[in-house]
C-alpha atoms as a PDB file:
ATOM      1  CA  UNK A   1     120.534  55.507 179.893  1.00  0.00           C
ATOM      2  CA  UNK A   2     117.042  54.093 179.160  1.00  0.00           C
ATOM      3  CA  UNK A   3     115.590  56.200 181.963  1.00  0.00           C
ATOM      4  CA  UNK A   4     116.762  59.436 180.303  1.00  0.00           C
ATOM      5  CA  UNK A   5     115.229  58.336 177.023  1.00  0.00           C
ATOM      6  CA  UNK A   6     111.897  57.670 178.700  1.00  0.00           C
ATOM      7  CA  UNK A   7     111.837  61.051 180.406  1.00  0.00           C
ATOM      8  CA  UNK A   8     112.934  62.741 177.173  1.00  0.00           C
ATOM      9  CA  UNK A   9     110.188  60.945 175.277  1.00  0.00           C
ATOM     10  CA  UNK A  10     107.650  61.935 177.900  1.00  0.00           C
ATOM     11  CA  UNK A  11     108.773  65.548 177.736  1.00  0.00           C
ATOM     12  CA  UNK A  12     108.503  65.509 173.942  1.00  0.00           C
ATOM     13  CA  UNK A  13     105.011  64.014 174.142  1.00  0.00           C
ATOM     14  CA  UNK A  14     103.889  66.637 176.659  1.00  0.00           C
ATOM     15  CA  UNK A  15     105.290  69.496 174.589  1.00  0.00           C
ATOM     16  CA  UNK A  16     103.681  68.098 171.449  1.00  0.00           C
ATOM     17  CA  UNK A  17     100.318  67.696 173.193  1.00  0.00           C
ATOM     18  CA  UNK A  18     100.495  71.249 174.569  1.00  0.00           C
ATOM     19  CA  UNK A  19     101.321  72.577 171.111  1.00  0.00           C
ATOM     20  CA  UNK A  20      98.427  70.748 169.488  1.00  0.00           C
ATOM     21  CA  UNK A  21      96.047  71.942 172.177  1.00  0.00           C
ATOM     22  CA  UNK A  22      97.104  75.558 171.800  1.00  0.00           C
ATOM     23  CA  UNK A  23      96.844  75.261 168.007  1.00  0.00           C
ATOM     24  CA  UNK A  24      93.323  73.866 168.313  1.00  0.00           C
ATOM     25  CA  UNK A  25      92.267  76.657 170.669  1.00  0.00           C
ATOM     26  CA  UNK A  26      93.799  79.330 168.455  1.00  0.00           C
ATOM     27  CA  UNK A  27      92.099  77.892 165.401  1.00  0.00           C
ATOM     28  CA  UNK A  28      88.633  78.389 166.862  1.00  0.00           C
ATOM     29  CA  UNK A  29      89.243  82.069 167.694  1.00  0.00           C
ATOM     30  CA  UNK A  30      89.409  83.389 164.135  1.00  0.00           C
ATOM     31  CA  UNK A  31      86.544  81.126 163.099  1.00  0.00           C
ATOM     32  CA  UNK A  32      84.236  82.559 165.750  1.00  0.00           C
ATOM     33  CA  UNK A  33      85.187  86.133 164.889  1.00  0.00           C
ATOM     34  CA  UNK A  34      84.526  85.457 161.218  1.00  0.00           C
ATOM     35  CA  UNK A  35      81.109  83.998 161.974  1.00  0.00           C
ATOM     36  CA  UNK A  36      80.218  87.090 164.010  1.00  0.00           C
ATOM     37  CA  UNK A  37      81.300  89.402 161.193  1.00  0.00           C
ATOM     38  CA  UNK A  38      79.370  87.450 158.589  1.00  0.00           C
ATOM     39  CA  UNK A  39      76.211  87.506 160.712  1.00  0.00           C
ATOM     40  CA  UNK A  40      76.120  91.290 160.583  1.00  0.00           C
ATOM     41  CA  UNK A  41      73.761  92.642 157.945  1.00  0.00           C
ATOM     42  CA  UNK A  42      75.821  95.233 156.097  1.00  0.00           C
ATOM     43  CA  UNK A  43      72.946  96.239 153.808  1.00  0.00           C
ATOM     44  CA  UNK A  44      71.152  97.740 156.804  1.00  0.00           C
ATOM     45  CA  UNK A  45      74.211  99.602 158.121  1.00  0.00           C
ATOM     46  CA  UNK A  46      74.512 103.337 157.891  1.00  0.00           C
ATOM     47  CA  UNK A  47      77.058 104.619 155.402  1.00  0.00           C
ATOM     48  CA  UNK A  48      79.248 105.927 158.236  1.00  0.00           C
ATOM     49  CA  UNK A  49      79.576 102.430 159.764  1.00  0.00           C
ATOM     50  CA  UNK A  50      80.647 100.729 156.532  1.00  0.00           C
ATOM     51  CA  UNK A  51      84.330 101.802 156.538  1.00  0.00           C
ATOM     52  CA  UNK A  52      84.800 100.384 160.047  1.00  0.00           C
ATOM     53  CA  UNK A  53      83.082  97.147 159.071  1.00  0.00           C
ATOM     54  CA  UNK A  54      85.233  96.967 155.934  1.00  0.00           C
ATOM     55  CA  UNK A  55      88.432  97.333 158.006  1.00  0.00           C
ATOM     56  CA  UNK A  56      87.249  94.615 160.373  1.00  0.00           C
ATOM     57  CA  UNK A  57      86.602  92.335 157.405  1.00  0.00           C
ATOM     58  CA  UNK A  58      90.041  93.141 155.971  1.00  0.00           C
ATOM     59  CA  UNK A  59      91.800  92.374 159.239  1.00  0.00           C
ATOM     60  CA  UNK A  60      89.865  89.152 159.651  1.00  0.00           C
ATOM     61  CA  UNK A  61      90.594  88.144 156.077  1.00  0.00           C
ATOM     62  CA  UNK A  62      94.323  88.439 156.803  1.00  0.00           C
ATOM     63  CA  UNK A  63      93.987  86.366 160.004  1.00  0.00           C
ATOM     64  CA  UNK A  64      91.930  83.662 158.312  1.00  0.00           C
ATOM     65  CA  UNK A  65      94.295  83.476 155.332  1.00  0.00           C
ATOM     66  CA  UNK A  66      97.315  83.090 157.615  1.00  0.00           C
ATOM     67  CA  UNK A  67      95.570  80.432 159.678  1.00  0.00           C
ATOM     68  CA  UNK A  68      94.620  78.490 156.562  1.00  0.00           C
ATOM     69  CA  UNK A  69      98.156  78.683 155.191  1.00  0.00           C
ATOM     70  CA  UNK A  70      99.561  77.528 158.527  1.00  0.00           C
ATOM     71  CA  UNK A  71      97.179  74.579 158.573  1.00  0.00           C
ATOM     72  CA  UNK A  72      98.232  73.585 155.060  1.00  0.00           C
ATOM     73  CA  UNK A  73      97.065  70.074 154.259  1.00  0.00           C
ATOM     74  CA  UNK A  74      95.302  69.882 157.637  1.00  0.00           C
ATOM     75  CA  UNK A  75      92.847  72.611 156.649  1.00  0.00           C
ATOM     76  CA  UNK A  76      89.266  71.428 156.635  1.00  0.00           C
ATOM     77  CA  UNK A  77      86.870  72.143 153.761  1.00  0.00           C
ATOM     78  CA  UNK A  78      84.706  74.184 156.138  1.00  0.00           C
ATOM     79  CA  UNK A  79      87.736  76.436 156.869  1.00  0.00           C
ATOM     80  CA  UNK A  80      88.185  77.047 153.157  1.00  0.00           C
ATOM     81  CA  UNK A  81      84.466  77.737 152.751  1.00  0.00           C
ATOM     82  CA  UNK A  82      84.535  80.226 155.619  1.00  0.00           C
ATOM     83  CA  UNK A  83      87.455  82.033 153.974  1.00  0.00           C
ATOM     84  CA  UNK A  84      85.563  82.128 150.661  1.00  0.00           C
ATOM     85  CA  UNK A  85      82.476  83.530 152.422  1.00  0.00           C
ATOM     86  CA  UNK A  86      84.594  86.152 154.156  1.00  0.00           C
ATOM     87  CA  UNK A  87      86.295  87.140 150.883  1.00  0.00           C
ATOM     88  CA  UNK A  88      82.899  87.392 149.161  1.00  0.00           C
ATOM     89  CA  UNK A  89      81.517  89.654 151.891  1.00  0.00           C
ATOM     90  CA  UNK A  90      84.669  91.790 151.801  1.00  0.00           C
ATOM     91  CA  UNK A  91      84.187  92.301 148.050  1.00  0.00           C
ATOM     92  CA  UNK A  92      80.487  93.114 148.462  1.00  0.00           C
ATOM     93  CA  UNK A  93      81.211  95.775 151.072  1.00  0.00           C
ATOM     94  CA  UNK A  94      84.088  97.177 148.988  1.00  0.00           C
ATOM     95  CA  UNK A  95      81.766  97.514 145.987  1.00  0.00           C
ATOM     96  CA  UNK A  96      79.116  99.202 148.084  1.00  0.00           C
ATOM     97  CA  UNK A  97      81.660 101.676 149.434  1.00  0.00           C
ATOM     98  CA  UNK A  98      82.892 102.429 145.910  1.00  0.00           C
ATOM     99  CA  UNK A  99      79.320 103.012 144.679  1.00  0.00           C
ATOM    100  CA  UNK A 100      78.495 105.582 147.350  1.00  0.00           C
ATOM    101  CA  UNK A 101      79.550 109.208 146.706  1.00  0.00           C
END
């Protein structure tokens, strides 16, 4: 009986470690994509490129929001700041699109 408990505990530990590792890897994906989007200078973009950039920002905003909700109390302040920066840029681009005829 103790042998089964040890192997069950080992299996649980391995599954937990694999889950944490995959969560950590997945968490860096959206962050990197957000950084790339925020580095783009939308003020220099042609008007025709703005709708595509706006859609990319919208999609990324959804991904970042879901990731932050999933992290819950484990979310870091820098994750929240990145989401705020992304939301701010999304609003800026939306306003610019609305201002253009």
